[in-house]
Amino acid sequence: MSSKLVFKVYGLGCASCNKLFKDLNDAIADLKEKELKDYETEVLKVEDPKEIFKEVLNVPALSINDEIMFEQEKPNKNQLIELLKEYLATEN
């Protein structure tokens, strides 16, 4: 039985938010064969301002299973890979 990871990218459709969404999907794809092989993953975009600002104050932002990982940062794909590896290490 696999565990589920729900990723939420909070953003208002700006270029940085869209890049985060793309880079996150790419990072997940890179980790799917090894680190994430036992996980079901879902990546959601949260673009409704009312929903965004219930959870975070600044965008872009990222949460994993409703835990806010960062706000107003613009990590690249490699930084996201490291963040995901660190998150998985604390979950196991």
Protein backbone atom coordinates (compact mmCIF):
# COMPACT_ATOMS: atom_id res chain seq x y z
CA MET A 1 0.00 0.00 0.00
CA SER A 2 1.45 3.36 -0.96
CA SER A 3 1.34 6.60 0.94
CA LYS A 4 -0.03 9.73 -0.64
CA LEU A 5 1.70 13.08 -0.98
CA VAL A 6 -0.45 16.07 -1.89
CA PHE A 7 1.50 19.05 -3.15
CA LYS A 8 -0.16 22.46 -3.38
CA VAL A 9 1.39 25.32 -5.31
CA TYR A 10 -0.12 28.62 -4.20
CA GLY A 11 -0.01 31.40 -6.77
CA LEU A 12 -1.95 33.95 -8.72
CA GLY A 13 -0.89 32.79 -12.18
CA CYS A 14 2.33 34.81 -12.26
CA ALA A 15 5.39 33.56 -14.14
CA SER A 16 7.16 32.58 -10.90
CA CYS A 17 4.15 30.57 -9.71
CA ASN A 18 3.82 28.79 -13.05
CA LYS A 19 7.56 28.03 -13.07
CA LEU A 20 7.31 26.58 -9.56
CA PHE A 21 4.43 24.34 -10.69
CA LYS A 22 6.43 23.10 -13.70
CA ASP A 23 9.68 22.63 -11.77
CA LEU A 24 7.86 20.78 -8.99
CA ASN A 25 6.29 18.37 -11.49
CA ASP A 26 9.71 17.85 -13.09
CA ALA A 27 11.33 17.23 -9.68
CA ILE A 28 8.64 14.69 -8.77
CA ALA A 29 9.13 12.93 -12.12
CA ASP A 30 12.88 12.71 -11.48
CA LEU A 31 12.29 11.09 -8.07
CA LYS A 32 9.43 8.79 -9.11
CA GLU A 33 11.58 5.73 -9.88
CA LYS A 34 13.48 5.72 -6.60
CA GLU A 35 12.62 8.06 -3.71
CA LEU A 36 8.94 8.44 -4.59
CA LYS A 37 8.29 4.95 -5.98
CA ASP A 38 6.11 3.98 -3.01
CA TYR A 39 4.11 7.21 -3.02
CA GLU A 40 1.02 8.30 -4.86
CA THR A 41 1.48 11.98 -5.72
CA GLU A 42 -1.00 14.70 -6.54
CA VAL A 43 0.00 18.24 -7.51
CA LEU A 44 -2.62 20.96 -7.21
CA LYS A 45 -2.61 24.63 -8.15
CA VAL A 46 -4.33 26.94 -5.69
CA GLU A 47 -5.13 30.16 -7.55
CA ASP A 48 -8.22 31.49 -5.76
CA PRO A 49 -7.02 34.46 -3.64
CA LYS A 50 -9.44 33.60 -0.82
CA GLU A 51 -8.07 30.06 -0.62
CA ILE A 52 -4.45 31.19 -0.97
CA PHE A 53 -4.58 33.74 1.81
CA LYS A 54 -6.27 31.31 4.23
CA GLU A 55 -3.01 29.35 4.13
CA VAL A 56 -0.16 31.71 3.18
CA LEU A 57 0.62 35.42 3.10
CA ASN A 58 3.00 35.46 0.13
CA VAL A 59 3.24 33.67 -3.20
CA PRO A 60 4.61 31.59 -4.70
CA ALA A 61 4.30 29.07 -1.90
CA LEU A 62 4.36 25.30 -1.58
CA SER A 63 2.80 22.86 0.85
CA ILE A 64 3.18 19.11 1.15
CA ASN A 65 0.29 17.36 2.89
CA ASP A 66 -0.87 20.76 4.17
CA GLU A 67 2.52 21.58 5.74
CA ILE A 68 3.81 24.88 4.34
CA MET A 69 7.33 24.33 3.02
CA PHE A 70 8.04 27.90 1.93
CA GLU A 71 6.52 31.22 0.89
CA GLN A 72 7.77 33.88 -1.50
CA GLU A 73 10.72 31.77 -2.59
CA LYS A 74 11.64 30.70 -6.10
CA PRO A 75 13.59 27.44 -5.84
CA ASN A 76 14.79 25.78 -9.01
CA LYS A 77 14.20 22.12 -9.87
CA ASN A 78 17.39 20.90 -8.17
CA GLN A 79 16.54 22.80 -4.98
CA LEU A 80 13.05 21.27 -5.05
CA ILE A 81 14.57 17.80 -5.43
CA GLU A 82 16.68 18.42 -2.31
CA LEU A 83 13.65 19.77 -0.43
CA LEU A 84 11.64 16.67 -1.34
CA LYS A 85 14.45 14.33 -0.28
CA GLU A 86 14.73 16.14 3.07
CA TYR A 87 10.96 15.97 3.54
CA LEU A 88 10.90 12.24 2.79
CA ALA A 89 13.80 11.62 5.20
CA THR A 90 11.81 13.21 8.04
CA GLU A 91 8.67 11.24 7.12
CA ASN A 92 10.39 7.84 7.33
